[in-house]
Amino acid sequence: MLENEIWGNSIQNWIISILIIVAAIVLVKLISLLSKKVLKPLTDRTKNHLDDIIFYSLEPPIKFAIILLGIWIAIHRLVYPDSFVKVVDNIYRILIVLDITWVFARLFGGLLQVYWGHRDGQNNKMLPIIKRTMLVVVWIIGLVMALSNVGVNISALLGTLGIGGIAFALAAQDTVKNVFGAFTLLTDKPFNIGDTIRFDNFEGTVVDIGIRSTRIMNYDKRIITFPNYKITDSSIINISSEPMRRVVLNLGLTYDTTAKKMKEALELLKAIPKRVENVSSNPADVVAVFTEYSDSALVIMYIYFIEKQGDILGVTSNMNMEILDTFNKAGLDFAFPTRTVYIQNDESEHESKDTGKAPESKVDSLK
C-alpha cells in the first residue's frame, strides 16, 4: 500500500514529508518552551538590556525559519514538475529575505523602545512616528532585496512606483503635511501637553499631540481637534511658558484731585504689590504714571506682573480689591463719565436788553 503513488509520489514519501513538517512544528514548540523556562529568565536577571533586545529580535524569526526549512525539505523530497519547483524556490527565497528583514525590524524597534523610550515625555511622543518611519524603510529595503533575489527588474519597478508615488502624494498631501507637522511640533517643542497656548485668536490647553492632529481643550471644557499643519503654519503664543503675566490698568480720578493727591495715589499704587500674594514686588516690575487728561478723568496707567505660580483671575481680583480699598481709605475718588450743560435763561435775556447788562447763565452738571 505504501508503494502506491499519489500525484507521482508514493504514499510513503508523502508520509515522510508530512512527518518532517510535524517535526519542525514540534521543534518550534520545544524552542518556545526552552525560551520561556530558561532563556527568558536568564536575560531578565542581567542589568544589560542588549541581551533582552537580541532575544526579542531573534526568537520569532528563528521559529519561522525552522518551519520554512521543514517545509522546504519536505517539498524537495517529492517529485514535482520543474515549473512548480521553480515557483516554490522563488517563494522560499523571498520568505527567507523577509525573515531576515523581520529580524532587523524587531532589532531596531527594540533598540528604539529601550534607549529612546526612557527619555522625557515629549520624546516619548516622537517614538511612534520615528518607529513607524524606520519600520517602513526597513521593510521596503527588505522587499526590494527579496524581489531582486528572484530576478525582478528593480529599476522598472521603482519607475512604476515613482509614478504611483506621485499620484499617491497628491491625493494624500494633507495627511503628509499633518505627519510632518507632528514631527515639527515634537522636535521644535513650541509647547508641551498641558500648556495653554494661543494661535489664530484661539486659546486653550493642549491635551494631546498626535500624528495627524492636536487636541486642545478650550475654556468651555470642550475638546477641539486641529490639523497639525494648521498649527505649525500659525504664530503660536505659549502662555504657560511666560515667567510672569503683565497686567495693565487705566485708572481714572476725578478732576478735583489735587497734584498732591495725585502724587499720593501714585505712591500708594507702587506699594500695593508688596501686600498681595503672587504679585512681583520688584520696583522694576511696577509702573504707576499719570498719563493723560481724558474727557472726564485724570488717567493713571498702572502696570504690575503676576508671578507664574499665581492664579491669574484670583490674583487680579485681589489686586482690584486692594486698589479699591486703598483709594477709599485715602479719599481718592474714581471718575465716571460726566457732561456739563449750559442753560440760558430767556428772562435774563430780556432783562439784559432793558438794563444793558450781560445775561446770566446757569451751570448744571449732569453725571
Protein backbone atom coordinates (compact mmCIF):
# COMPACT_ATOMS: atom_id res chain seq x y z
CA MET A 1 0.00 0.00 0.00
CA LEU A 2 2.87 2.38 0.82
CA GLU A 3 4.19 1.93 -2.69
CA ASN A 4 1.02 3.31 -4.25
CA GLU A 5 1.53 6.68 -5.87
CA ILE A 6 -0.43 9.90 -5.46
CA TRP A 7 0.47 12.76 -7.86
CA GLY A 8 3.66 10.98 -8.86
CA ASN A 9 4.90 10.24 -5.30
CA SER A 10 4.47 7.16 -3.17
CA ILE A 11 2.35 7.26 -0.04
CA GLN A 12 5.50 6.51 1.97
CA ASN A 13 7.21 9.65 0.66
CA TRP A 14 4.11 11.71 1.40
CA ILE A 15 4.05 10.41 4.98
CA ILE A 16 7.76 11.14 5.49
CA SER A 17 7.36 14.70 4.16
CA ILE A 18 4.39 15.28 6.45
CA LEU A 19 6.39 13.89 9.41
CA ILE A 20 9.25 16.31 8.58
CA ILE A 21 6.83 19.24 8.74
CA VAL A 22 5.36 17.91 12.00
CA ALA A 23 8.88 17.50 13.41
CA ALA A 24 9.63 21.13 12.52
CA ILE A 25 6.49 22.25 14.35
CA VAL A 26 7.39 20.14 17.40
CA LEU A 27 10.92 21.62 17.36
CA VAL A 28 9.43 25.13 17.33
CA LYS A 29 7.27 24.24 20.34
CA LEU A 30 10.32 22.90 22.19
CA ILE A 31 12.25 26.10 21.43
CA SER A 32 9.31 28.16 22.75
CA LEU A 33 9.28 26.13 25.95
CA LEU A 34 13.06 26.44 26.33
CA SER A 35 12.88 30.18 25.76
CA LYS A 36 10.09 30.63 28.30
CA LYS A 37 11.62 28.44 31.02
CA VAL A 38 15.35 29.05 30.58
CA LEU A 39 16.46 31.82 28.20
CA LYS A 40 13.90 34.49 29.17
CA PRO A 41 14.64 34.20 32.93
CA LEU A 42 18.38 34.40 32.19
CA THR A 43 18.05 37.60 30.18
CA ASP A 44 15.75 39.13 32.80
CA ARG A 45 18.38 38.68 35.51
CA THR A 46 21.01 40.73 33.70
CA LYS A 47 21.13 44.53 34.03
CA ASN A 48 22.12 44.97 30.41
CA HIS A 49 19.13 45.47 28.07
CA LEU A 50 21.02 44.40 24.95
CA ASP A 51 20.54 40.67 25.58
CA ASP A 52 16.78 41.25 26.08
CA ILE A 53 16.62 43.06 22.74
CA ILE A 54 18.57 40.32 20.93
CA PHE A 55 16.32 37.64 22.45
CA TYR A 56 13.21 39.64 21.48
CA SER A 57 14.55 40.12 17.94
CA LEU A 58 15.62 36.54 17.19
CA GLU A 59 13.04 34.25 18.78
CA PRO A 60 10.05 34.60 16.37
CA PRO A 61 12.15 34.80 13.15
CA ILE A 62 14.12 31.69 14.14
CA LYS A 63 10.89 29.77 14.73
CA PHE A 64 9.60 30.90 11.35
CA ALA A 65 12.89 29.91 9.68
CA ILE A 66 12.66 26.40 11.17
CA ILE A 67 9.13 26.00 9.80
CA LEU A 68 10.33 27.21 6.37
CA LEU A 69 13.25 24.78 6.44
CA GLY A 70 10.99 21.85 7.32
CA ILE A 71 8.54 22.72 4.52
CA TRP A 72 11.40 23.18 2.02
CA ILE A 73 12.95 19.77 2.87
CA ALA A 74 9.54 18.10 2.78
CA ILE A 75 8.67 19.55 -0.63
CA HIS A 76 12.04 18.82 -2.24
CA ARG A 77 11.83 15.14 -1.28
CA LEU A 78 8.86 14.83 -3.57
CA VAL A 79 8.75 14.81 -7.34
CA TYR A 80 7.14 17.84 -9.00
CA PRO A 81 7.25 19.48 -12.40
CA ASP A 82 10.21 21.79 -12.85
CA SER A 83 7.95 24.83 -13.22
CA PHE A 84 6.35 24.15 -9.82
CA VAL A 85 9.75 23.61 -8.17
CA LYS A 86 10.96 26.93 -9.59
CA VAL A 87 7.93 28.75 -8.16
CA VAL A 88 8.46 27.12 -4.74
CA ASP A 89 12.16 28.06 -4.75
CA ASN A 90 11.37 31.69 -5.62
CA ILE A 91 8.78 31.92 -2.86
CA TYR A 92 11.27 30.35 -0.46
CA ARG A 93 13.97 32.89 -1.37
CA ILE A 94 11.53 35.77 -0.86
CA LEU A 95 10.39 34.44 2.51
CA ILE A 96 13.98 33.92 3.71
CA VAL A 97 14.92 37.51 2.88
CA LEU A 98 11.74 38.80 4.54
CA ASP A 99 12.51 36.68 7.60
CA ILE A 100 15.95 38.30 7.86
CA THR A 101 14.27 41.69 7.38
CA TRP A 102 11.94 40.79 10.24
CA VAL A 103 15.00 40.28 12.47
CA PHE A 104 16.35 43.75 11.67
CA ALA A 105 12.94 45.38 12.06
CA ARG A 106 12.47 43.87 15.52
CA LEU A 107 16.07 44.67 16.47
CA PHE A 108 15.79 48.36 15.52
CA GLY A 109 12.35 48.61 17.10
CA GLY A 110 13.61 47.09 20.34
CA LEU A 111 16.62 49.41 20.44
CA LEU A 112 14.40 52.45 19.95
CA GLN A 113 11.90 51.29 22.56
CA VAL A 114 14.57 50.73 25.22
CA TYR A 115 17.07 53.51 24.60
CA TRP A 116 14.72 56.23 23.26
CA GLY A 117 11.62 55.34 25.28
CA HIS A 118 13.34 56.14 28.60
CA ARG A 119 13.62 59.85 27.72
CA ASP A 120 11.22 62.59 28.78
CA GLY A 121 7.54 62.57 27.86
CA GLN A 122 7.84 64.77 24.79
CA ASN A 123 10.45 62.45 23.24
CA ASN A 124 8.15 59.55 24.01
CA LYS A 125 5.52 61.24 21.84
CA MET A 126 8.00 61.16 18.96
CA LEU A 127 8.72 57.45 19.40
CA PRO A 128 5.69 56.11 17.43
CA ILE A 129 6.42 58.39 14.47
CA ILE A 130 10.14 57.53 14.34
CA LYS A 131 9.48 53.84 14.90
CA ARG A 132 6.90 53.57 12.15
CA THR A 133 9.07 55.52 9.72
CA MET A 134 12.05 53.28 10.45
CA LEU A 135 9.98 50.10 10.08
CA VAL A 136 8.59 51.27 6.74
CA VAL A 137 12.12 51.96 5.47
CA VAL A 138 13.46 48.59 6.69
CA TRP A 139 10.59 46.63 5.16
CA ILE A 140 10.84 48.49 1.85
CA ILE A 141 14.56 47.68 1.66
CA GLY A 142 13.87 44.05 2.54
CA LEU A 143 11.09 43.74 -0.03
CA VAL A 144 13.28 45.27 -2.76
CA MET A 145 16.12 42.85 -1.91
CA ALA A 146 13.70 39.91 -1.90
CA LEU A 147 12.30 40.80 -5.32
CA SER A 148 15.80 41.41 -6.68
CA ASN A 149 16.82 37.98 -5.36
CA VAL A 150 14.26 36.28 -7.63
CA GLY A 151 15.18 38.27 -10.75
CA VAL A 152 12.63 41.11 -10.71
CA ASN A 153 13.78 44.23 -12.60
CA ILE A 154 14.04 46.70 -9.72
CA SER A 155 14.71 49.74 -11.94
CA ALA A 156 11.46 49.26 -13.85
CA LEU A 157 9.62 48.56 -10.62
CA LEU A 158 10.96 51.72 -8.99
CA GLY A 159 9.92 53.74 -12.03
CA THR A 160 6.39 52.39 -11.78
CA LEU A 161 6.32 53.02 -8.05
CA GLY A 162 7.64 56.54 -8.62
CA ILE A 163 4.69 57.42 -10.85
CA GLY A 164 2.28 55.82 -8.44
CA GLY A 165 4.01 57.56 -5.55
CA ILE A 166 3.47 60.95 -7.15
CA ALA A 167 -0.24 60.24 -7.57
CA PHE A 168 -0.47 58.96 -4.02
CA ALA A 169 1.38 62.01 -2.66
CA LEU A 170 -1.01 64.37 -4.45
CA ALA A 171 -4.00 62.51 -3.05
CA ALA A 172 -2.61 62.34 0.47
CA GLN A 173 -0.83 65.69 0.67
CA ASP A 174 -2.89 66.88 3.66
CA THR A 175 -2.05 63.70 5.56
CA VAL A 176 1.63 64.09 4.70
CA LYS A 177 1.54 67.74 5.84
CA ASN A 178 -0.03 66.66 9.13
CA VAL A 179 2.63 63.99 9.72
CA PHE A 180 5.44 66.48 9.06
CA GLY A 181 3.57 68.98 11.23
CA ALA A 182 3.56 66.48 14.10
CA PHE A 183 7.28 65.88 13.60
CA THR A 184 7.87 69.66 13.70
CA LEU A 185 5.82 70.10 16.87
CA LEU A 186 7.61 67.26 18.63
CA THR A 187 11.11 68.38 17.62
CA ASP A 188 10.85 72.17 17.89
CA LYS A 189 8.68 71.88 21.04
CA PRO A 190 6.80 75.20 20.82
CA PHE A 191 4.57 73.77 23.55
CA ASN A 192 4.08 70.65 25.65
CA ILE A 193 1.00 68.71 26.66
CA GLY A 194 -0.73 70.65 29.43
CA ASP A 195 0.44 74.08 28.19
CA THR A 196 -2.02 76.87 27.47
CA ILE A 197 -1.45 78.31 24.01
CA ARG A 198 -2.96 80.94 21.72
CA PHE A 199 -3.00 80.91 17.93
CA ASP A 200 -5.36 82.38 15.33
CA ASN A 201 -7.46 84.05 18.04
CA PHE A 202 -7.98 80.67 19.73
CA GLU A 203 -6.82 79.93 23.25
CA GLY A 204 -6.86 76.66 25.18
CA THR A 205 -4.92 73.88 26.90
CA VAL A 206 -3.10 71.22 24.86
CA VAL A 207 -4.50 67.76 25.66
CA ASP A 208 -2.72 65.56 23.11
CA ILE A 209 -0.31 65.78 20.17
CA GLY A 210 -1.00 63.04 17.64
CA ILE A 211 0.42 62.09 14.26
CA ARG A 212 -2.44 63.72 12.35
CA SER A 213 -3.90 66.28 14.74
CA THR A 214 -3.53 68.11 18.03
CA ARG A 215 -6.37 68.20 20.55
CA ILE A 216 -6.93 71.34 22.61
CA MET A 217 -9.43 71.99 25.39
CA ASN A 218 -10.96 75.46 25.36
CA TYR A 219 -12.22 77.35 28.40
CA ASP A 220 -15.69 75.82 27.94
CA LYS A 221 -14.11 72.38 28.61
CA ARG A 222 -14.70 71.32 25.01
CA ILE A 223 -12.10 69.32 23.09
CA ILE A 224 -11.28 70.82 19.69
CA THR A 225 -9.14 68.94 17.16
CA PHE A 226 -6.84 70.92 14.88
CA PRO A 227 -4.80 69.50 11.96
CA ASN A 228 -1.12 69.72 12.80
CA TYR A 229 -0.16 71.66 9.68
CA LYS A 230 -2.57 74.50 10.59
CA ILE A 231 -0.89 74.91 13.97
CA THR A 232 2.63 74.85 12.55
CA ASP A 233 1.64 77.43 9.92
CA SER A 234 0.37 79.82 12.62
CA SER A 235 2.10 82.09 15.09
CA ILE A 236 1.91 80.30 18.44
CA ILE A 237 1.93 82.08 21.79
CA ASN A 238 2.79 79.72 24.65
CA ILE A 239 1.03 81.35 27.58
CA SER A 240 2.25 78.73 30.06
CA SER A 241 5.90 79.47 29.28
CA GLU A 242 5.66 83.12 30.30
CA PRO A 243 7.64 83.82 33.50
CA MET A 244 5.04 86.39 34.63
CA ARG A 245 1.72 87.77 33.37
CA ARG A 246 1.67 91.51 32.64
CA VAL A 247 -1.47 93.39 33.67
CA VAL A 248 -2.21 96.95 32.52
CA LEU A 249 -4.89 99.08 34.23
CA ASN A 250 -6.09 102.56 33.35
CA LEU A 251 -7.45 104.22 36.48
CA GLY A 252 -9.35 107.49 36.22
CA LEU A 253 -9.52 110.01 39.11
CA THR A 254 -11.92 112.94 39.29
CA TYR A 255 -10.85 116.37 38.05
CA ASP A 256 -10.99 117.82 41.57
CA THR A 257 -7.97 115.66 42.51
CA THR A 258 -5.11 117.93 43.52
CA ALA A 259 -1.49 117.46 42.46
CA LYS A 260 -0.64 116.40 45.99
CA LYS A 261 -3.38 113.77 45.97
CA MET A 262 -2.24 112.53 42.54
CA LYS A 263 1.31 112.01 43.83
CA GLU A 264 -0.12 110.18 46.83
CA ALA A 265 -2.14 107.92 44.53
CA LEU A 266 0.98 107.02 42.54
CA GLU A 267 2.92 106.16 45.70
CA LEU A 268 0.05 104.07 47.05
CA LEU A 269 -0.17 102.09 43.82
CA LYS A 270 3.57 101.32 43.84
CA ALA A 271 3.29 99.93 47.37
CA ILE A 272 0.26 97.68 46.77
CA PRO A 273 2.13 94.68 45.16
CA LYS A 274 4.04 94.16 48.42
CA ARG A 275 0.76 93.36 50.17
CA VAL A 276 -0.74 90.99 47.57
CA GLU A 277 0.43 87.39 47.25
CA ASN A 278 1.89 86.16 43.92
CA VAL A 279 2.45 89.70 42.61
CA SER A 280 6.01 90.78 41.82
CA SER A 281 7.15 93.47 44.29
CA ASN A 282 10.29 94.25 42.30
CA PRO A 283 10.24 98.05 41.72
CA ALA A 284 11.21 97.46 38.09
CA ASP A 285 8.03 95.41 37.60
CA VAL A 286 5.65 98.07 38.96
CA VAL A 287 4.75 101.15 36.93
CA ALA A 288 2.35 103.90 38.03
CA VAL A 289 2.33 107.09 35.91
CA PHE A 290 -0.07 110.00 35.33
CA THR A 291 -0.60 109.67 31.57
CA GLU A 292 -3.38 111.94 30.31
CA TYR A 293 -6.29 114.29 30.78
CA SER A 294 -9.26 112.48 29.33
CA ASP A 295 -12.75 113.93 28.79
CA SER A 296 -13.92 113.09 32.30
CA ALA A 297 -10.91 111.84 34.30
CA LEU A 298 -7.26 112.22 35.18
CA VAL A 299 -5.87 108.92 33.92
CA ILE A 300 -3.22 106.83 35.69
CA MET A 301 -1.61 103.91 33.85
CA TYR A 302 -0.83 101.15 36.35
CA ILE A 303 1.25 98.10 35.33
CA TYR A 304 2.09 95.11 37.52
CA PHE A 305 3.16 91.47 36.99
CA ILE A 306 1.51 88.30 38.30
CA GLU A 307 4.05 85.58 39.12
CA LYS A 308 3.94 82.23 37.27
CA GLN A 309 2.59 80.22 40.20
CA GLY A 310 -0.27 82.63 40.82
CA ASP A 311 -3.85 82.11 39.68
CA ILE A 312 -4.43 84.83 37.07
CA LEU A 313 -8.09 85.53 37.83
CA GLY A 314 -7.70 85.19 41.60
CA VAL A 315 -4.67 87.49 41.83
CA THR A 316 -6.30 90.06 39.52
CA SER A 317 -9.37 90.13 41.76
CA ASN A 318 -7.20 90.53 44.88
CA MET A 319 -5.31 93.41 43.29
CA ASN A 320 -8.50 95.18 42.26
CA MET A 321 -9.92 94.80 45.78
CA GLU A 322 -6.69 96.15 47.30
CA ILE A 323 -6.66 99.17 44.94
CA LEU A 324 -10.30 99.94 45.73
CA ASP A 325 -9.80 99.65 49.47
CA THR A 326 -6.60 101.73 49.44
CA PHE A 327 -8.12 104.56 47.38
CA ASN A 328 -11.27 104.66 49.51
CA LYS A 329 -9.22 104.99 52.70
CA ALA A 330 -7.09 107.75 51.12
CA GLY A 331 -10.15 109.70 49.96
CA LEU A 332 -9.32 109.29 46.28
CA ASP A 333 -12.41 109.26 44.06
CA PHE A 334 -12.65 107.32 40.83
CA ALA A 335 -14.08 109.31 37.96
CA PHE A 336 -17.02 108.36 35.83
CA PRO A 337 -18.31 109.95 32.60
CA THR A 338 -19.77 113.47 33.17
CA ARG A 339 -21.34 116.12 30.95
CA THR A 340 -21.72 119.83 31.66
CA VAL A 341 -24.74 121.57 30.09
CA TYR A 342 -25.04 125.36 29.90
CA ILE A 343 -28.70 126.59 30.04
CA GLN A 344 -29.53 130.20 29.02
CA ASN A 345 -32.47 131.83 30.83
CA ASP A 346 -34.87 133.75 28.49
CA GLU A 347 -35.94 136.16 31.28
CA SER A 348 -32.33 137.10 31.88
CA GLU A 349 -32.00 137.79 28.17
CA HIS A 350 -34.96 140.24 28.24
CA GLU A 351 -33.59 141.87 31.37
CA SER A 352 -30.29 142.40 29.68
CA LYS A 353 -32.00 144.32 26.92
CA ASP A 354 -33.57 146.72 29.46
CA THR A 355 -30.55 147.18 31.68
CA GLY A 356 -27.77 146.71 29.17
CA LYS A 357 -26.19 144.02 31.31
CA ALA A 358 -24.99 140.68 30.00
CA PRO A 359 -27.36 137.79 30.63
CA GLU A 360 -26.53 135.41 33.46
CA SER A 361 -26.11 131.70 32.84
CA LYS A 362 -26.70 128.69 34.98
CA VAL A 363 -24.40 125.70 35.01
CA ASP A 364 -25.84 122.29 35.61
CA SER A 365 -23.59 119.27 35.84
CA LEU A 366 -25.26 116.01 34.88
CA LYS A 367 -23.48 112.85 35.97
